[in-house]
N, C-alpha and C. Protein backbone atom coordinates (compact mmCIF):
# COMPACT_ATOMS: atom_id res chain seq x y z
N UNK A 1 -56.98 -71.73 80.08
CA UNK A 1 -56.96 -71.60 78.47
C UNK A 1 -56.88 -69.88 78.41
N UNK A 2 -57.96 -68.88 79.30
CA UNK A 2 -57.85 -68.07 79.36
C UNK A 2 -57.10 -66.82 79.68
N UNK A 3 -55.61 -67.49 80.79
CA UNK A 3 -54.30 -66.73 80.50
C UNK A 3 -53.65 -67.10 79.89
N UNK A 4 -54.31 -68.14 78.87
CA UNK A 4 -52.71 -68.30 77.53
C UNK A 4 -52.98 -67.38 76.62
N UNK A 5 -54.32 -67.00 76.66
CA UNK A 5 -55.34 -66.21 75.33
C UNK A 5 -54.25 -64.92 75.44
N UNK A 6 -54.50 -64.23 77.21
CA UNK A 6 -54.12 -63.12 77.45
C UNK A 6 -52.24 -62.83 76.83
N UNK A 7 -51.54 -64.24 77.79
CA UNK A 7 -50.37 -63.84 77.20
C UNK A 7 -50.50 -63.85 76.20
N UNK A 8 -50.86 -64.49 75.39
CA UNK A 8 -50.76 -64.55 73.64
C UNK A 8 -50.63 -63.15 73.36
N UNK A 9 -52.14 -62.08 73.85
CA UNK A 9 -52.38 -60.98 73.02
C UNK A 9 -51.90 -59.84 73.35
N UNK A 10 -50.77 -59.76 75.01
CA UNK A 10 -50.32 -59.33 75.60
C UNK A 10 -48.99 -59.52 74.87
N UNK A 11 -48.27 -60.11 74.22
CA UNK A 11 -47.31 -61.08 73.45
C UNK A 11 -47.12 -60.19 72.34
N UNK A 12 -48.64 -60.46 71.35
CA UNK A 12 -49.30 -59.69 70.27
C UNK A 12 -49.09 -57.94 70.12
N UNK A 13 -49.75 -57.62 71.15
CA UNK A 13 -49.76 -56.17 71.76
C UNK A 13 -48.05 -55.84 71.33
N UNK A 14 -47.30 -56.40 72.50
CA UNK A 14 -45.86 -56.05 72.11
C UNK A 14 -44.80 -56.26 71.09
N UNK A 15 -45.29 -57.38 70.33
CA UNK A 15 -44.87 -56.84 68.75
C UNK A 15 -45.07 -56.07 68.09
N UNK A 16 -46.72 -55.44 68.31
CA UNK A 16 -46.73 -54.83 67.44
C UNK A 16 -46.23 -53.44 68.06
N UNK A 17 -45.86 -53.22 69.39
CA UNK A 17 -45.28 -51.98 69.79
C UNK A 17 -44.37 -52.07 69.19
N UNK A 18 -42.95 -52.67 69.20
CA UNK A 18 -41.65 -53.22 68.57
C UNK A 18 -41.91 -53.11 67.64
N UNK A 19 -43.29 -53.33 66.30
CA UNK A 19 -42.59 -53.13 65.20
C UNK A 19 -43.00 -51.18 64.61
N UNK A 20 -43.89 -51.02 65.85
CA UNK A 20 -44.07 -49.91 65.55
C UNK A 20 -43.04 -48.41 65.83
N UNK A 21 -42.18 -48.68 66.55
CA UNK A 21 -40.89 -48.16 67.30
C UNK A 21 -40.07 -48.24 65.94
N UNK A 22 -39.92 -49.70 65.65
CA UNK A 22 -38.60 -49.87 64.36
C UNK A 22 -38.91 -49.53 62.98
N UNK A 23 -40.41 -48.80 63.05
CA UNK A 23 -40.77 -48.43 62.02
C UNK A 23 -40.20 -46.60 61.68
N UNK A 24 -40.82 -45.94 63.77
CA UNK A 24 -40.78 -44.92 63.54
C UNK A 24 -38.87 -43.80 63.54
N UNK A 25 -38.27 -45.68 63.89
CA UNK A 25 -36.98 -45.27 63.88
C UNK A 25 -36.28 -45.50 63.00
N UNK A 26 -37.17 -46.37 62.12
CA UNK A 26 -36.18 -45.47 60.49
C UNK A 26 -36.25 -44.84 59.29
N UNK A 27 -37.66 -44.47 60.38
CA UNK A 27 -38.38 -43.27 59.20
C UNK A 27 -37.19 -42.26 59.82
N UNK A 28 -37.22 -41.25 61.50
CA UNK A 28 -36.47 -40.76 61.55
C UNK A 28 -34.84 -40.52 60.85
N UNK A 29 -34.12 -41.77 60.67
CA UNK A 29 -32.55 -42.50 60.63
C UNK A 29 -32.66 -41.87 58.62
N UNK A 30 -33.90 -42.70 57.66
CA UNK A 30 -33.99 -42.30 56.14
C UNK A 30 -34.65 -39.92 56.66
N UNK A 31 -35.07 -39.76 57.34
CA UNK A 31 -35.37 -38.36 57.21
C UNK A 31 -33.91 -37.71 57.76
N UNK A 32 -33.23 -37.92 58.72
CA UNK A 32 -31.90 -37.21 58.82
C UNK A 32 -30.64 -36.83 58.24
N UNK A 33 -30.80 -39.25 57.83
CA UNK A 33 -29.59 -39.10 56.66
C UNK A 33 -29.81 -38.05 55.38
N UNK A 34 -28.50 -37.49 55.07
CA UNK A 34 -28.39 -36.84 54.26
C UNK A 34 -29.03 -37.82 52.70
N UNK A 35 -29.81 -37.33 51.79
CA UNK A 35 -30.20 -37.93 50.39
C UNK A 35 -28.66 -38.54 49.45
N UNK A 36 -28.86 -39.50 49.43
CA UNK A 36 -27.62 -40.18 47.73
C UNK A 36 -27.57 -39.10 47.17
N UNK A 37 -25.59 -38.86 46.88
CA UNK A 37 -25.87 -37.73 45.82
C UNK A 37 -26.47 -38.41 43.96
N UNK A 38 -26.42 -38.03 43.39
CA UNK A 38 -26.74 -38.49 42.24
C UNK A 38 -25.06 -39.38 41.38
N UNK A 39 -25.88 -40.23 40.42
CA UNK A 39 -24.66 -41.09 40.57
C UNK A 39 -23.98 -39.76 39.45
N UNK A 40 -22.79 -40.36 39.27
CA UNK A 40 -21.93 -38.79 38.33
C UNK A 40 -22.36 -39.53 36.92
N UNK A 41 -23.04 -38.26 36.25
CA UNK A 41 -22.46 -38.47 34.58
C UNK A 41 -21.57 -39.65 34.44
N UNK A 42 -21.43 -40.16 32.86
CA UNK A 42 -20.50 -40.40 32.83
C UNK A 42 -19.46 -39.35 31.47
N UNK A 43 -18.21 -39.70 31.33
CA UNK A 43 -17.71 -38.90 30.23
C UNK A 43 -17.84 -39.56 29.32
N UNK A 44 -17.95 -38.17 28.53
CA UNK A 44 -17.76 -38.94 26.70
C UNK A 44 -17.03 -39.74 26.08
N UNK A 45 -17.32 -40.32 25.31
CA UNK A 45 -16.18 -41.23 25.42
C UNK A 45 -15.54 -40.23 24.71
N UNK A 46 -13.66 -40.40 24.14
CA UNK A 46 -12.81 -40.54 23.66
C UNK A 46 -13.29 -40.31 22.24
N UNK A 47 -12.48 -39.16 21.23
CA UNK A 47 -13.01 -39.48 20.10
C UNK A 47 -11.63 -40.29 19.60
N UNK A 48 -11.80 -40.93 18.79
CA UNK A 48 -11.16 -41.99 18.21
C UNK A 48 -9.94 -41.25 17.62
N UNK A 49 -8.92 -42.36 16.98
CA UNK A 49 -8.06 -41.60 16.93
C UNK A 49 -8.59 -41.60 14.99
N UNK A 50 -9.08 -42.22 14.39
CA UNK A 50 -9.59 -42.21 12.51
C UNK A 50 -9.64 -40.87 12.63
N UNK A 51 -10.90 -40.93 13.89
CA UNK A 51 -11.61 -39.75 13.69
C UNK A 51 -11.31 -38.21 13.71
N UNK A 52 -9.85 -38.25 14.60
CA UNK A 52 -9.45 -37.20 15.03
C UNK A 52 -7.69 -36.87 13.36
N UNK A 53 -7.50 -38.30 12.57
CA UNK A 53 -6.93 -38.10 11.59
C UNK A 53 -7.60 -37.72 10.77
N UNK A 54 -9.11 -37.80 10.52
CA UNK A 54 -10.10 -37.55 9.51
C UNK A 54 -9.36 -36.13 9.63
N UNK A 55 -9.91 -35.56 10.74
CA UNK A 55 -10.08 -33.82 11.15
C UNK A 55 -9.57 -33.67 10.78
N UNK A 56 -7.87 -33.61 11.21
CA UNK A 56 -6.40 -33.15 10.95
C UNK A 56 -5.85 -32.52 9.39
N UNK A 57 -7.21 -33.84 8.32
CA UNK A 57 -6.18 -33.82 7.51
C UNK A 57 -7.68 -32.54 6.50
N UNK A 58 -8.83 -32.46 6.86
CA UNK A 58 -9.76 -31.83 6.54
C UNK A 58 -9.30 -30.49 6.88
N UNK A 59 -8.84 -30.14 8.18
CA UNK A 59 -7.94 -29.11 7.98
C UNK A 59 -6.99 -28.68 7.52
N UNK A 60 -6.15 -29.36 7.28
CA UNK A 60 -4.98 -28.85 6.04
C UNK A 60 -5.43 -29.82 4.81
N UNK A 61 -6.02 -29.67 4.47
CA UNK A 61 -6.43 -29.54 2.73
C UNK A 61 -7.12 -27.96 2.66
N UNK A 62 -7.95 -27.65 3.95
CA UNK A 62 -8.59 -25.90 4.19
C UNK A 62 -7.54 -25.18 3.88
N UNK A 63 -6.20 -25.26 4.60
CA UNK A 63 -5.30 -24.29 4.72
C UNK A 63 -4.07 -24.69 3.46
N UNK A 64 -3.85 -25.56 2.50
CA UNK A 64 -3.28 -25.74 2.07
C UNK A 64 -4.11 -24.60 1.02
N UNK A 65 -5.71 -24.69 0.37
CA UNK A 65 -6.64 -24.64 -0.38
C UNK A 65 -5.94 -22.56 0.12
N UNK A 66 -6.48 -22.55 1.15
CA UNK A 66 -6.41 -21.06 1.22
C UNK A 66 -4.60 -20.38 1.13
N UNK A 67 -3.36 -20.95 0.76
CA UNK A 67 -2.12 -20.90 0.97
C UNK A 67 -2.50 -20.29 -0.19
N UNK A 68 -3.04 -22.23 -0.85
CA UNK A 68 -2.32 -21.98 -3.21
C UNK A 68 -3.26 -20.44 -3.51
N UNK A 69 -4.67 -20.39 -2.73
CA UNK A 69 -5.58 -18.93 -3.29
C UNK A 69 -4.49 -17.47 -3.34
N UNK A 70 -3.93 -17.59 -1.59
CA UNK A 70 -3.25 -16.71 -1.08
C UNK A 70 -2.34 -16.09 -2.67
N UNK A 71 -1.42 -17.22 -2.69
CA UNK A 71 -0.58 -17.21 -3.59
C UNK A 71 -1.16 -17.10 -5.15
N UNK A 72 -2.13 -17.40 -5.52
CA UNK A 72 -2.39 -17.61 -6.66
C UNK A 72 -3.06 -15.44 -6.75
N UNK A 73 -3.32 -14.91 -5.75
CA UNK A 73 -3.85 -13.97 -5.57
C UNK A 73 -2.20 -12.97 -5.46
N UNK A 74 -1.24 -13.30 -5.15
CA UNK A 74 -0.03 -12.75 -4.69
C UNK A 74 0.74 -12.40 -5.88
N UNK A 75 0.10 -13.58 -6.88
CA UNK A 75 1.30 -13.70 -8.43
C UNK A 75 0.12 -12.36 -9.12
N UNK A 76 -0.95 -12.39 -9.08
CA UNK A 76 -1.04 -11.57 -10.08
C UNK A 76 -1.64 -10.30 -9.41
N UNK A 77 -1.63 -10.06 -8.49
CA UNK A 77 -1.04 -8.69 -7.95
C UNK A 77 0.31 -8.22 -8.67
N UNK A 78 0.86 -9.24 -8.32
CA UNK A 78 2.90 -8.99 -9.31
C UNK A 78 3.02 -8.51 -9.94
N UNK A 79 2.06 -9.44 -11.35
CA UNK A 79 1.78 -9.24 -12.69
C UNK A 79 1.28 -8.18 -13.05
N UNK A 80 0.29 -7.06 -12.05
CA UNK A 80 -0.86 -5.88 -11.95
C UNK A 80 0.73 -5.13 -11.62
N UNK A 81 0.99 -4.99 -10.75
CA UNK A 81 2.49 -3.74 -10.80
C UNK A 81 2.95 -4.24 -11.85
N UNK A 82 3.89 -4.77 -12.76
CA UNK A 82 4.73 -5.17 -13.52
C UNK A 82 3.87 -4.76 -15.00
N UNK A 83 2.83 -4.53 -14.75
CA UNK A 83 1.86 -4.07 -16.17
C UNK A 83 2.06 -2.01 -16.58
N UNK A 84 1.51 -2.36 -14.52
CA UNK A 84 0.91 -0.78 -14.46
C UNK A 84 2.46 0.06 -14.63
N UNK A 85 3.88 -0.67 -14.01
CA UNK A 85 5.16 0.20 -14.79
C UNK A 85 5.35 0.57 -15.56
N UNK A 86 4.94 -0.51 -16.22
CA UNK A 86 5.88 -0.89 -17.54
C UNK A 86 4.58 -0.15 -18.86
N UNK A 87 3.61 0.14 -18.27
CA UNK A 87 2.99 1.57 -18.91
C UNK A 87 3.24 2.57 -18.51
N UNK A 88 3.98 2.65 -17.12
CA UNK A 88 3.85 4.09 -17.31
C UNK A 88 5.45 5.34 -17.56
N UNK A 89 6.11 3.70 -18.02
CA UNK A 89 7.28 4.01 -18.44
C UNK A 89 7.19 4.43 -20.20
N UNK A 90 6.02 3.53 -20.33
CA UNK A 90 5.78 3.57 -22.09
C UNK A 90 4.90 5.18 -22.39
N UNK A 91 4.39 5.46 -21.18
CA UNK A 91 3.18 6.75 -21.87
C UNK A 91 3.28 8.09 -20.48
N UNK A 92 3.95 7.64 -20.25
CA UNK A 92 4.04 8.12 -18.48
C UNK A 92 3.86 9.94 -19.61
N UNK A 93 5.09 10.67 -20.36
CA UNK A 93 5.28 11.34 -21.93
C UNK A 93 3.56 11.84 -22.36
N UNK A 94 3.25 10.86 -22.28
CA UNK A 94 1.59 11.31 -23.40
C UNK A 94 1.16 12.41 -23.10
N UNK A 95 1.37 13.21 -21.99
CA UNK A 95 0.81 14.15 -21.94
C UNK A 95 1.55 16.01 -22.25
N UNK A 96 2.74 16.06 -22.60
CA UNK A 96 3.66 16.53 -23.09
C UNK A 96 3.51 16.14 -24.57
N UNK A 97 4.02 15.07 -24.49
CA UNK A 97 3.82 14.71 -26.43
C UNK A 97 2.44 14.99 -27.29
N UNK A 98 1.49 15.09 -26.23
CA UNK A 98 0.56 15.85 -26.65
C UNK A 98 0.66 17.53 -27.06
N UNK A 99 1.43 18.10 -25.83
CA UNK A 99 0.79 19.66 -25.59
C UNK A 99 2.06 19.81 -26.84
N UNK A 100 3.14 18.45 -27.04
CA UNK A 100 4.27 19.46 -28.23
C UNK A 100 3.65 19.02 -29.71
N UNK A 101 2.38 18.60 -29.80
CA UNK A 101 1.78 18.55 -31.27
C UNK A 101 1.24 19.94 -31.61
N UNK A 102 1.01 20.67 -31.37
CA UNK A 102 0.39 21.74 -31.01
C UNK A 102 2.42 22.87 -32.02
N UNK A 103 3.16 23.13 -31.06
CA UNK A 103 4.44 23.15 -31.74
C UNK A 103 4.83 22.40 -32.78
N UNK A 104 4.64 21.35 -33.36
CA UNK A 104 4.90 20.76 -34.44
C UNK A 104 4.27 20.94 -35.73
N UNK A 105 3.07 20.87 -35.10
CA UNK A 105 1.88 21.52 -36.33
C UNK A 105 2.34 22.84 -37.29
N UNK A 106 2.40 23.71 -35.91
CA UNK A 106 3.37 24.88 -36.89
C UNK A 106 3.86 25.46 -36.63
N UNK A 107 5.41 24.63 -36.50
CA UNK A 107 6.48 24.77 -37.69
C UNK A 107 6.09 23.92 -38.69
N UNK A 108 5.44 23.36 -39.04
CA UNK A 108 5.00 22.04 -40.40
C UNK A 108 4.34 23.98 -41.07
N UNK A 109 3.37 24.58 -40.68
CA UNK A 109 2.98 25.47 -41.69
C UNK A 109 4.54 26.18 -42.08
N UNK A 110 4.83 26.54 -40.57
CA UNK A 110 6.23 27.83 -41.08
C UNK A 110 6.93 27.68 -41.91
N UNK A 111 7.32 26.18 -42.09
CA UNK A 111 8.08 25.14 -43.10
C UNK A 111 7.37 25.75 -44.31
N UNK A 112 6.36 24.93 -44.65
CA UNK A 112 5.17 25.19 -45.93
C UNK A 112 5.14 26.59 -46.21
N UNK A 113 4.96 27.49 -45.37
CA UNK A 113 5.52 28.58 -45.69
C UNK A 113 6.61 29.26 -46.15
N UNK A 114 7.90 28.61 -45.82
CA UNK A 114 8.91 29.01 -45.71
C UNK A 114 8.83 29.41 -47.76
N UNK A 115 8.54 27.60 -48.25
CA UNK A 115 9.07 27.48 -49.09
C UNK A 115 8.88 28.09 -50.48
N UNK A 116 7.48 29.67 -49.91
CA UNK A 116 6.56 30.71 -50.99
C UNK A 116 7.32 31.59 -50.79
N UNK A 117 7.61 31.55 -49.25
CA UNK A 117 7.88 33.50 -49.03
C UNK A 117 8.81 34.04 -49.27
N UNK A 118 8.21 35.19 -49.73
CA UNK A 118 9.20 36.46 -49.99
C UNK A 118 9.72 37.21 -49.19
N UNK A 119 9.30 36.91 -47.84
CA UNK A 119 10.03 38.17 -46.88
C UNK A 119 10.48 37.88 -45.41
N UNK A 120 11.33 37.47 -45.32
CA UNK A 120 12.27 36.89 -44.33
C UNK A 120 11.67 37.04 -43.20
N UNK A 121 11.74 37.81 -42.83
CA UNK A 121 10.99 38.30 -41.19
C UNK A 121 9.40 37.98 -40.79
N UNK A 122 8.57 37.87 -41.32
CA UNK A 122 7.92 36.90 -41.22
C UNK A 122 7.94 35.45 -40.97
N UNK A 123 9.08 35.13 -41.75
CA UNK A 123 8.83 33.83 -41.27
C UNK A 123 9.96 33.49 -39.81
N UNK A 124 10.57 34.94 -39.72
CA UNK A 124 11.65 34.69 -37.97
C UNK A 124 10.89 35.07 -37.09
N UNK A 125 9.64 35.69 -37.77
CA UNK A 125 9.11 35.99 -36.52
C UNK A 125 7.93 35.19 -36.18
N UNK A 126 7.44 33.93 -37.21
CA UNK A 126 6.38 32.91 -36.98
C UNK A 126 7.65 31.63 -36.14
N UNK A 127 8.89 32.35 -36.39
CA UNK A 127 9.13 30.54 -35.53
C UNK A 127 9.51 31.59 -34.02
N UNK A 128 10.14 32.92 -34.24
CA UNK A 128 9.67 33.04 -33.02
C UNK A 128 8.12 33.00 -32.05
N UNK A 129 7.53 33.20 -32.51
CA UNK A 129 6.18 33.15 -32.24
C UNK A 129 5.91 31.55 -31.54
N UNK A 130 6.63 30.92 -31.41
CA UNK A 130 5.97 29.40 -31.74
C UNK A 130 7.19 28.68 -30.68
N UNK A 131 8.58 30.13 -30.71
CA UNK A 131 9.11 29.51 -30.09
C UNK A 131 8.96 30.17 -28.20
N UNK A 132 8.31 31.20 -28.10
CA UNK A 132 7.26 31.60 -27.37
C UNK A 132 7.06 30.82 -26.02
N UNK A 133 5.35 30.53 -27.78
CA UNK A 133 4.47 29.28 -27.15
C UNK A 133 4.57 27.98 -26.30
N UNK A 134 5.99 27.57 -27.16
CA UNK A 134 6.90 25.97 -27.02
C UNK A 134 6.89 27.04 -24.78
N UNK A 135 7.81 28.03 -24.76
CA UNK A 135 9.04 27.86 -23.43
C UNK A 135 8.01 27.61 -22.41
N UNK A 136 6.35 28.61 -22.52
CA UNK A 136 5.40 29.49 -22.09
C UNK A 136 4.71 28.07 -21.63
N UNK A 137 4.81 27.09 -22.62
CA UNK A 137 4.28 26.24 -22.64
C UNK A 137 4.62 25.13 -20.80
N UNK A 138 5.69 25.12 -21.63
CA UNK A 138 6.36 23.96 -20.41
C UNK A 138 6.94 24.78 -19.42
N UNK A 139 7.00 26.35 -19.18
CA UNK A 139 7.56 26.44 -18.21
C UNK A 139 5.83 26.62 -17.33
N UNK A 140 5.03 26.85 -17.78
CA UNK A 140 3.70 27.00 -16.59
C UNK A 140 3.15 25.35 -16.58
N UNK A 141 3.02 24.74 -17.31
CA UNK A 141 2.01 23.73 -17.30
C UNK A 141 3.73 22.37 -16.64
N UNK A 142 4.18 22.21 -17.14
CA UNK A 142 5.56 21.84 -17.03
C UNK A 142 6.81 22.14 -16.21
N UNK A 143 6.45 22.68 -15.31
CA UNK A 143 7.81 23.77 -14.22
C UNK A 143 9.22 23.16 -15.00
N UNK A 144 9.05 23.19 -16.10
CA UNK A 144 10.79 23.72 -16.87
C UNK A 144 10.99 24.61 -17.08
N UNK A 145 12.13 25.28 -16.87
CA UNK A 145 12.60 26.58 -17.11
C UNK A 145 14.13 27.19 -17.13
N UNK A 146 14.30 27.69 -17.91
CA UNK A 146 15.53 27.88 -18.51
C UNK A 146 16.55 29.09 -18.20
N UNK A 147 17.65 28.98 -18.11
CA UNK A 147 18.90 30.21 -17.45
C UNK A 147 19.60 29.45 -18.23
N UNK A 148 20.43 31.34 -17.85
CA UNK A 148 21.90 31.43 -18.50
C UNK A 148 22.02 32.43 -19.56
N UNK A 149 22.54 33.72 -18.80
CA UNK A 149 22.42 35.06 -19.77
C UNK A 149 23.93 35.49 -19.16
N UNK A 150 24.67 36.12 -20.23
CA UNK A 150 25.54 37.06 -20.07
C UNK A 150 25.84 37.94 -19.11
N UNK A 151 26.58 38.52 -18.43
CA UNK A 151 25.79 39.07 -17.02
C UNK A 151 25.65 38.17 -16.33
N UNK A 152 25.13 37.20 -15.56
CA UNK A 152 25.08 36.37 -14.27
C UNK A 152 26.13 35.77 -13.80
N UNK A 153 25.67 35.30 -12.53
CA UNK A 153 26.90 35.28 -11.64
C UNK A 153 27.19 33.97 -11.83
N UNK A 154 28.70 33.39 -12.17
CA UNK A 154 29.29 31.85 -12.30
C UNK A 154 28.55 31.21 -11.26
N UNK A 155 28.08 30.06 -11.43
CA UNK A 155 27.75 29.18 -10.38
C UNK A 155 28.30 27.84 -10.69
N UNK A 156 29.06 27.27 -9.83
CA UNK A 156 29.93 25.34 -10.90
C UNK A 156 28.80 24.83 -10.62
N UNK A 157 27.50 24.77 -9.34
CA UNK A 157 27.08 23.86 -9.46
C UNK A 157 25.60 23.82 -10.24
N UNK A 158 25.34 25.15 -11.05
CA UNK A 158 24.60 25.49 -12.30
C UNK A 158 25.16 25.47 -13.73
N UNK A 159 26.33 25.86 -13.94
CA UNK A 159 27.01 26.76 -15.35
C UNK A 159 28.18 24.80 -15.24
N UNK A 160 28.51 24.68 -16.00
CA UNK A 160 29.48 24.35 -16.80
C UNK A 160 30.32 24.91 -17.19
N UNK A 161 31.73 25.92 -16.87
CA UNK A 161 32.85 26.37 -17.94
C UNK A 161 33.03 25.50 -18.67
N UNK A 162 32.89 26.63 -19.88
CA UNK A 162 34.06 24.77 -21.37
C UNK A 162 35.19 26.58 -21.28
N UNK A 163 35.43 27.88 -20.53
CA UNK A 163 37.13 28.57 -20.93
C UNK A 163 36.07 29.27 -19.92
N UNK A 164 37.60 30.84 -19.50
CA UNK A 164 37.82 31.10 -18.59
C UNK A 164 39.06 32.15 -19.11
N UNK A 165 38.32 34.05 -18.93
CA UNK A 165 38.55 34.73 -19.74
C UNK A 165 39.51 35.68 -18.06
N UNK A 166 40.24 36.92 -18.23
CA UNK A 166 40.65 37.41 -17.89
C UNK A 166 40.27 38.83 -18.02
N UNK A 167 39.62 39.77 -16.84
CA UNK A 167 38.65 41.20 -17.29
C UNK A 167 39.47 42.28 -16.12
N UNK A 168 39.45 43.64 -16.68
CA UNK A 168 39.74 44.30 -15.23
C UNK A 168 38.33 45.09 -14.88
N UNK A 169 37.71 44.57 -16.34
CA UNK A 169 36.20 45.37 -16.18
C UNK A 169 34.90 44.62 -15.53
N UNK A 170 35.72 43.58 -14.46
CA UNK A 170 34.62 42.51 -13.80
C UNK A 170 35.54 42.04 -12.55
N UNK A 171 34.14 42.70 -11.15
CA UNK A 171 34.69 42.42 -9.80
C UNK A 171 34.54 41.44 -9.31
N UNK A 172 33.37 40.01 -10.49
CA UNK A 172 33.95 38.60 -9.87
C UNK A 172 33.64 38.26 -10.52
N UNK A 173 33.23 36.02 -11.05
CA UNK A 173 32.82 35.33 -11.99
C UNK A 173 31.73 35.65 -12.50
N UNK A 174 31.82 36.32 -13.80
CA UNK A 174 30.26 36.36 -14.17
C UNK A 174 30.11 35.65 -15.69
N UNK A 175 29.33 35.79 -16.52
CA UNK A 175 29.31 34.75 -17.64
C UNK A 175 29.28 35.67 -18.63
N UNK A 176 30.35 35.91 -19.19
CA UNK A 176 30.61 36.49 -20.38
C UNK A 176 29.79 36.02 -22.33
N UNK A 177 29.67 34.34 -22.42
CA UNK A 177 28.85 34.15 -23.32
C UNK A 177 28.06 33.18 -22.58
N UNK A 178 26.92 32.41 -23.01
CA UNK A 178 26.08 31.31 -23.28
C UNK A 178 26.36 31.03 -24.17
N UNK A 179 27.12 29.39 -24.88
CA UNK A 179 27.04 28.48 -25.85
C UNK A 179 25.79 27.43 -26.03
N UNK A 180 25.07 27.48 -24.78
CA UNK A 180 24.22 26.18 -24.13
C UNK A 180 22.87 26.22 -22.95
N UNK A 181 21.90 26.21 -23.76
CA UNK A 181 21.57 27.09 -22.75
C UNK A 181 21.61 25.95 -21.52
N UNK A 182 20.89 26.41 -20.38
CA UNK A 182 20.17 25.47 -19.18
C UNK A 182 19.13 25.44 -18.76
N UNK A 183 18.73 23.70 -18.17
CA UNK A 183 17.22 23.80 -17.57
C UNK A 183 16.96 22.97 -16.48
N UNK A 184 16.12 23.61 -15.61
CA UNK A 184 15.54 22.87 -14.40
C UNK A 184 14.35 22.69 -14.03
N UNK A 185 13.68 21.87 -13.81
CA UNK A 185 12.63 20.39 -13.12
C UNK A 185 12.25 20.89 -12.11
N UNK A 186 11.61 22.17 -11.87
CA UNK A 186 11.52 22.28 -11.04
C UNK A 186 12.33 23.35 -9.96
N UNK A 187 13.31 22.82 -9.16
CA UNK A 187 14.03 22.83 -8.35
C UNK A 187 15.50 22.04 -8.85
N UNK A 188 15.90 20.74 -9.55
CA UNK A 188 16.86 20.55 -9.91
C UNK A 188 17.27 20.25 -11.64
N UNK A 189 18.33 20.75 -11.85
CA UNK A 189 19.39 21.08 -12.41
C UNK A 189 19.39 19.54 -13.88
N UNK A 190 18.59 19.47 -14.97
CA UNK A 190 18.77 18.46 -15.58
C UNK A 190 19.57 18.87 -16.60
N UNK A 191 20.17 19.59 -17.03
CA UNK A 191 20.75 19.87 -18.21
C UNK A 191 21.90 21.51 -17.51
N UNK A 192 22.84 21.94 -17.32
CA UNK A 192 23.77 22.55 -17.13
C UNK A 192 23.97 23.14 -18.45
N UNK A 193 24.10 23.98 -17.78
CA UNK A 193 24.62 25.71 -18.65
C UNK A 193 26.03 25.54 -19.35
N UNK A 194 26.55 25.29 -19.76
CA UNK A 194 27.49 25.73 -21.35
C UNK A 194 27.55 26.73 -21.35
N UNK A 195 28.93 27.76 -21.17
CA UNK A 195 29.69 28.78 -20.92
C UNK A 195 30.64 29.60 -20.92
N UNK A 196 30.78 31.38 -21.43
CA UNK A 196 32.24 31.18 -21.46
C UNK A 196 32.44 32.53 -19.74
N UNK A 197 33.03 32.01 -19.14
CA UNK A 197 33.38 32.71 -17.58
C UNK A 197 34.75 33.88 -17.79
N UNK A 198 34.38 34.78 -17.34
CA UNK A 198 35.19 36.32 -16.91
C UNK A 198 35.33 35.90 -15.47
N UNK A 199 36.76 36.24 -15.93
CA UNK A 199 37.02 37.28 -13.76
C UNK A 199 37.84 38.27 -14.10
N UNK A 200 38.01 38.59 -12.37
CA UNK A 200 39.09 39.99 -12.79
C UNK A 200 40.62 39.39 -13.20
N UNK A 201 41.06 40.03 -12.97
CA UNK A 201 42.75 39.76 -12.97
C UNK A 201 42.72 39.68 -11.97
């Protein structure tokens, strides 16, 4: 009986030792084995075709609105430019015409005075003064310069010869008479002088 109990106790102890060894082995293997990677996150669900179509329709509507706005802005700009161009054409000479009004007023006064004047020289002097003031204003303010005087050298670029004479008294072609003065605006001829030319024989 005692021998049986001893044998049983010994068997139980051996079983306990075996269990303990097994637990230690399991623990060691757990510590040595790397941790399992975390489960990968699932990709987000793909956008549905209906959502894609809705997004494209919205983008298309926005682009169409932008296009219409820009087209309207361009049309307004075009109309404004045309109006400004027309205004420049219609009223571009307003300043010049305003400056000419003084001369017109002086001519009106001279005409009124001539109706009752007894001294012709005073009328001629008045007209000469108006002419002088008008020429000075056009030259100084608008760069309009008259040219062409008897004795000037003939230049076909700025003179229009309406007749030609020969003479022993000249060494080169020059103006014998000026029928109509020429005018330059800055450096550009806007009216050629009409002249009679005399040239050497």
